[in-house]
Protein backbone atom coordinates (compact mmCIF):
# COMPACT_ATOMS: atom_id res chain seq x y z
CA MET A 1 172.82 -154.09 208.60
CA ARG A 2 172.34 -155.12 212.55
CA THR A 3 175.03 -157.38 214.20
CA LEU A 4 174.89 -159.54 217.66
CA ASP A 5 177.71 -160.76 218.60
CA GLY A 6 179.73 -160.97 215.03
CA LEU A 7 176.64 -162.42 213.52
CA ALA A 8 175.84 -159.29 210.82
CA ALA A 9 172.34 -159.47 209.22
CA THR A 10 170.14 -157.25 206.55
CA LEU A 11 167.05 -156.22 207.29
CA GLY A 12 164.42 -156.75 203.91
CA ALA A 13 162.41 -159.42 203.21
CA THR A 14 163.47 -159.04 198.86
CA ALA A 15 167.16 -157.77 199.19
CA LEU A 16 169.23 -159.75 199.59
CA GLY A 17 171.61 -160.05 202.87
CA VAL A 18 174.45 -160.86 204.35
CA VAL A 19 176.63 -163.68 202.94
CA ASP A 20 179.30 -164.68 205.78
CA ASP A 21 182.67 -166.56 204.84
CA SER A 22 180.69 -169.73 204.65
CA GLY A 23 178.62 -168.50 202.00
CA VAL A 24 175.76 -168.93 204.34
CA GLU A 25 172.89 -165.83 203.49
CA TRP A 26 171.80 -163.69 206.43
CA ARG A 27 168.22 -162.08 205.88
CA LEU A 28 166.90 -160.50 209.28
CA GLN A 29 163.04 -159.03 208.10
CA THR A 30 161.31 -158.13 211.71
CA LEU A 31 163.25 -155.67 214.66
CA ASP A 32 160.33 -155.30 216.73
CA GLY A 33 161.42 -153.09 219.83
CA TRP A 34 163.55 -151.13 218.57
CA ASP A 35 161.66 -148.06 217.72
CA SER A 36 161.55 -147.61 221.47
CA PRO A 37 160.95 -148.95 225.30
CA ASP A 38 157.33 -149.39 227.15
CA SER A 39 157.40 -146.94 229.94
CA ARG A 40 156.00 -146.44 233.70
CA SER A 41 153.96 -144.82 236.04
CA GLU A 42 151.56 -144.82 238.07
CA PHE A 43 147.96 -143.31 238.48
CA THR A 44 146.58 -142.30 241.32
CA ASP A 45 142.88 -141.36 242.60
CA ARG A 46 142.23 -137.99 243.44
CA GLU A 47 140.04 -138.20 246.06
CA ALA A 48 136.68 -136.40 246.55
CA ASP A 49 137.93 -134.92 243.58
CA HIS A 50 138.25 -135.31 238.83
CA GLY A 51 141.01 -137.06 237.57
CA SER A 52 144.56 -138.80 239.34
CA TRP A 53 147.83 -137.39 240.61
CA ALA A 54 150.56 -138.70 238.34
CA SER A 55 153.93 -140.09 239.21
CA PRO A 56 157.29 -139.62 237.28
CA VAL A 57 156.71 -141.22 234.03
CA TYR A 58 160.31 -143.69 233.70
CA LEU A 59 161.20 -145.91 230.29
CA SER A 60 161.14 -149.94 231.27
CA SER A 61 163.99 -152.25 229.90
CA ARG A 62 163.92 -152.31 225.52
CA PRO A 63 162.12 -156.52 224.37
CA ILE A 64 163.92 -156.86 221.69
CA THR A 65 162.85 -159.31 218.79
CA LEU A 66 165.02 -160.41 215.98
CA GLY A 67 163.30 -162.26 212.78
CA GLY A 68 164.77 -163.91 209.35
CA THR A 69 165.64 -166.19 206.78
CA ILE A 70 169.00 -168.44 206.74
CA VAL A 71 170.41 -169.67 203.48
CA ALA A 72 173.10 -171.89 203.46
CA PRO A 73 174.88 -174.10 200.42
CA SER A 74 173.98 -177.29 202.36
CA GLN A 75 172.47 -178.91 205.41
CA PRO A 76 175.47 -179.11 207.51
CA LEU A 77 175.85 -175.46 207.00
CA LEU A 78 172.80 -174.48 207.49
CA GLU A 79 172.59 -176.30 210.70
CA ALA A 80 175.69 -174.77 212.28
CA ALA A 81 174.87 -171.47 211.13
CA MET A 82 171.32 -172.14 213.72
CA GLU A 83 174.26 -173.47 216.29
CA GLN A 84 176.13 -169.88 215.80
CA LEU A 85 172.84 -168.01 216.63
CA ARG A 86 171.97 -169.38 219.28
CA ALA A 87 174.92 -168.82 220.59
CA ALA A 88 175.06 -164.86 220.06
CA ALA A 89 172.05 -164.83 221.76
CA GLY A 90 173.48 -164.91 224.61
CA LEU A 91 173.21 -165.37 228.17
CA THR A 92 176.45 -162.51 228.99
CA ASP A 93 175.62 -159.23 227.82
CA THR A 94 175.54 -159.09 224.14
CA LEU A 95 175.77 -156.21 221.80
CA LEU A 96 173.63 -155.59 220.09
CA THR A 97 174.74 -153.43 217.29
CA VAL A 98 171.40 -151.25 214.60
CA TRP A 99 173.72 -149.42 211.23
CA GLU A 100 171.42 -146.45 210.39
CA THR A 101 172.79 -143.33 209.00
CA THR A 102 174.02 -143.36 212.72
CA PRO A 103 174.40 -146.33 214.40
CA LYS A 104 173.39 -147.42 217.58
CA GLN A 105 174.29 -150.22 219.88
CA ALA A 106 173.11 -151.68 223.08
CA ILE A 107 173.61 -154.63 225.18
CA VAL A 108 171.33 -157.56 225.09
CA ARG A 109 170.60 -160.53 226.68
CA ARG A 110 168.68 -163.36 225.77
CA SER A 111 164.86 -163.55 226.97
CA GLY A 112 163.08 -166.43 225.62
CA LYS A 113 163.25 -169.55 223.78
CA PRO A 114 164.99 -168.86 220.53
CA LEU A 115 162.81 -170.20 217.95
CA MET A 116 163.93 -171.79 214.43
CA GLN A 117 162.67 -173.95 211.65
CA TYR A 118 163.81 -175.32 208.77
CA VAL A 119 161.81 -174.76 205.37
CA THR A 120 164.22 -176.94 202.91
CA ASP A 121 167.01 -178.68 203.35
CA THR A 122 169.43 -176.04 203.18
CA ARG A 123 166.48 -172.73 204.08
CA GLY A 124 165.67 -172.04 207.47
CA THR A 125 163.54 -169.02 209.49
CA TYR A 126 164.90 -167.76 213.54
CA SER A 127 162.80 -165.31 215.93
CA LEU A 128 164.98 -164.07 219.01
CA MET A 129 163.99 -162.30 221.59
CA VAL A 130 166.96 -160.66 223.62
CA THR A 131 166.29 -157.89 226.16
CA ALA A 132 168.05 -154.71 227.07
CA ALA A 133 168.41 -153.93 230.18
CA ASP A 134 169.31 -149.99 229.66
CA PRO A 135 166.73 -148.58 227.91
CA ARG A 136 168.96 -146.22 226.30
CA ARG A 137 170.16 -146.27 222.36
CA TYR A 138 173.92 -145.35 222.46
CA SER A 139 175.82 -144.35 219.78
CA THR A 140 179.08 -146.66 218.61
CA THR A 141 180.82 -144.22 218.84
CA LEU A 142 182.68 -143.60 222.39
CA SER A 143 183.50 -139.47 223.19
CA THR A 144 185.72 -138.56 225.76
CA GLY A 145 187.98 -135.85 227.75
CA THR A 146 191.01 -135.38 229.40
CA ALA A 147 191.30 -132.22 231.69
CA GLY A 148 194.18 -131.87 234.68
CA LEU A 149 194.32 -129.40 237.30
CA PRO A 150 193.45 -125.84 236.89
CA SER A 151 197.11 -124.61 237.94
CA ALA A 152 198.15 -119.88 238.37
CA THR A 153 200.06 -118.36 235.65
CA GLY A 154 201.34 -114.87 235.55
CA GLY A 155 201.34 -113.36 239.53
CA LEU A 156 204.58 -111.70 240.68
CA THR A 157 207.69 -111.20 239.31
CA PHE A 158 211.00 -110.48 240.60
CA PRO A 159 212.46 -107.61 240.98
CA VAL A 160 209.93 -105.55 241.78
CA THR A 161 208.78 -102.01 240.74
CA PHE A 162 207.12 -100.06 242.89
CA PRO A 163 204.08 -99.23 242.47
CA VAL A 164 203.57 -102.70 241.95
CA THR A 165 200.48 -104.72 240.21
CA PHE A 166 199.43 -108.17 240.56
CA SER A 167 197.92 -110.50 238.06
CA ALA A 168 196.94 -114.81 237.20
CA THR A 169 195.77 -116.10 235.38
CA THR A 170 193.68 -119.23 236.33
CA VAL A 171 194.36 -122.17 233.60
CA SER A 172 191.31 -124.88 233.62
CA GLY A 173 191.40 -128.21 232.31
CA ALA A 174 188.02 -128.43 231.45
CA ILE A 175 185.90 -131.31 229.53
CA THR A 176 183.15 -129.56 227.07
CA ALA A 177 180.34 -132.64 226.76
CA VAL A 178 177.48 -132.50 224.15
CA ASN A 179 174.37 -135.26 223.28
CA PRO A 180 172.96 -135.03 219.93
CA GLY A 181 171.14 -137.86 221.40
CA THR A 182 167.33 -137.70 222.52
CA LEU A 183 167.49 -139.22 226.30
CA GLU A 184 170.42 -137.70 229.38
CA THR A 185 173.31 -139.76 228.87
CA ARG A 186 174.87 -140.31 232.46
CA PRO A 187 179.31 -140.32 231.98
CA VAL A 188 181.92 -142.40 233.31
CA LEU A 189 184.29 -140.30 235.44
CA THR A 190 187.89 -141.62 235.61
CA LEU A 191 190.47 -139.69 238.35
CA THR A 192 194.63 -140.85 238.11
CA GLY A 193 195.79 -139.56 241.14
CA PRO A 194 197.91 -137.62 242.99
CA ALA A 195 195.31 -135.80 243.86
CA VAL A 196 194.33 -134.11 247.44
CA ALA A 197 190.47 -134.12 248.43
CA PRO A 198 189.44 -134.51 244.90
CA VAL A 199 186.01 -132.69 243.00
CA VAL A 200 184.06 -133.15 240.25
CA SER A 201 182.18 -130.62 239.32
CA ALA A 202 179.67 -130.19 236.37
CA LEU A 203 178.04 -126.93 235.28
CA TYR A 204 174.83 -126.60 233.08
CA PRO A 205 174.07 -123.34 231.74
CA ASP A 206 171.23 -122.21 233.62
CA GLY A 207 173.77 -122.25 236.25
CA THR A 208 173.20 -125.49 238.37
CA VAL A 209 175.85 -127.64 239.62
CA ARG A 210 176.36 -130.70 240.35
CA GLN A 211 179.68 -131.78 242.21
CA LEU A 212 181.14 -134.99 243.63
CA LEU A 213 183.65 -134.92 246.20
CA TYR A 214 185.73 -137.75 247.51
CA SER A 215 187.61 -137.14 250.73
CA LEU A 216 190.39 -138.76 250.17
CA ASP A 217 192.96 -138.56 248.72
CA LEU A 218 194.38 -139.94 245.99
CA ALA A 219 198.46 -141.48 245.36
CA ALA A 220 200.22 -141.31 242.42
CA GLY A 221 199.44 -144.27 240.26
CA ASP A 222 195.75 -144.39 242.05
CA VAL A 223 192.82 -144.72 239.82
CA LEU A 224 189.42 -143.93 240.74
CA VAL A 225 185.88 -144.90 238.49
CA ILE A 226 182.84 -142.87 239.21
CA ASP A 227 180.33 -145.03 237.00
CA THR A 228 177.54 -142.79 237.45
CA ASP A 229 174.40 -144.84 235.77
CA ALA A 230 175.64 -147.56 238.27
CA ARG A 231 176.82 -145.39 240.84
CA THR A 232 179.70 -146.79 242.35
CA VAL A 233 183.24 -145.74 243.01
CA LEU A 234 186.00 -148.39 242.23
CA LEU A 235 189.91 -147.50 243.34
CA ASN A 236 192.46 -149.60 241.26
CA GLY A 237 189.15 -151.90 239.73
CA SER A 238 188.38 -153.87 241.81
CA VAL A 239 188.13 -151.49 245.84
CA SER A 240 184.38 -149.81 246.68
CA ARG A 241 184.79 -146.79 248.10
CA ARG A 242 181.60 -145.44 247.74
CA ARG A 243 180.92 -143.69 250.95
CA PHE A 244 183.89 -141.34 250.61
CA LEU A 245 182.22 -140.29 247.84
CA THR A 246 179.53 -137.01 248.81
CA VAL A 247 176.89 -136.19 245.40
CA SER A 248 175.90 -132.76 245.39
CA GLY A 249 173.00 -131.79 243.55
CA GLY A 250 172.56 -135.51 242.47
CA TRP A 251 174.79 -137.34 239.81
CA PRO A 252 175.53 -135.33 237.04
CA THR A 253 174.07 -136.25 233.36
CA ILE A 254 174.36 -135.62 230.31
CA PRO A 255 171.38 -133.64 228.50
CA ALA A 256 169.65 -134.65 226.05
CA ALA A 257 170.09 -132.19 222.46
CA VAL A 258 166.62 -129.39 222.62
CA ASN A 259 165.35 -128.58 219.61
CA GLY A 260 168.67 -130.02 217.94
CA VAL A 261 170.84 -128.47 219.40
CA PRO A 262 173.16 -130.12 221.92
CA THR A 263 172.65 -129.00 225.85
CA VAL A 264 177.28 -127.89 226.97
CA VAL A 265 178.30 -129.58 230.07
CA THR A 266 181.25 -128.48 231.53
CA TYR A 267 182.82 -130.39 233.88
CA GLN A 268 186.16 -129.69 236.19
CA PHE A 269 187.93 -130.94 238.13
CA GLN A 270 189.37 -128.98 241.60
CA ALA A 271 191.92 -130.38 244.35
CA SER A 272 192.92 -129.12 247.52
CA ALA A 273 196.86 -128.94 245.91
CA TYR A 274 197.40 -129.11 242.40
CA ASN A 275 200.08 -131.48 240.63
CA ALA A 276 200.57 -131.48 237.42
CA THR A 277 200.04 -135.17 236.99
CA ALA A 278 196.90 -136.00 237.93
CA THR A 279 194.27 -135.87 235.70
CA LEU A 280 190.21 -135.89 234.90
CA THR A 281 189.49 -138.03 231.95
CA ALA A 282 185.34 -138.26 231.21
CA THR A 283 183.88 -141.52 228.69
CA TRP A 284 180.35 -141.01 227.21
CA ARG A 285 178.29 -142.23 224.55
CA SER A 286 175.64 -140.22 223.05
CA ALA A 287 172.22 -141.46 224.00
CA TRP A 288 168.60 -141.82 221.86
CA MET A 289 165.23 -142.99 223.30
């Protein structure tokens, strides 16, 4: 089953489609573009040599065409269904969900003229073209994790008896993130104050560390949202603080699985002073090409 802004249709030319509350049957017969987006790259001829220099390869946006049939109990219901479909292929962000074994979704916008034709008074055909600016197909499940600032436990206990043994254990709230998909995904990191010069570190299995260092302090109740895809930094939902964020080692991502085995990324939260109420929350969706 596929849904576009709440309208549902079943893929299949002969199978029964989804019947809505008005008795209108929606059949989806084509879904072009969901398989994979196009790619973009450049090849520059080598001077006085064979071959070319290849640029990095990136995925393009993902155009998707949905085509099918609407069967209604009456002509007025067919006309109403067509109006619903025109509205569903919105000019602003619209959610397209494909209910595969692992359900996936994409944010799309109308990118072509909706084509609709009457076959009979109660049957019509449609073809809609929408485009996902972000080529990833995302999981419908939002993954999340929360961590606090690290604290020290143990240490010196009074009264003391010599000789003295010092021991302490650092308790670190760390978020473990995995992405079983086939394309890296980019988390949203939310920091809640109070926190003095907070730092978010992403630790990778190969020893790579990527850090986001915020040079200002967060007061109690402050919420700083770092979108690693849009590369925005918003304080309390409205004030940009991007210029106060230093990105060391590159923006952190959650890599795709390797041979079906997810790569484990650990996000750690640090600050210059400990506060028990400060938190880091990471949210992300697994992504497929």
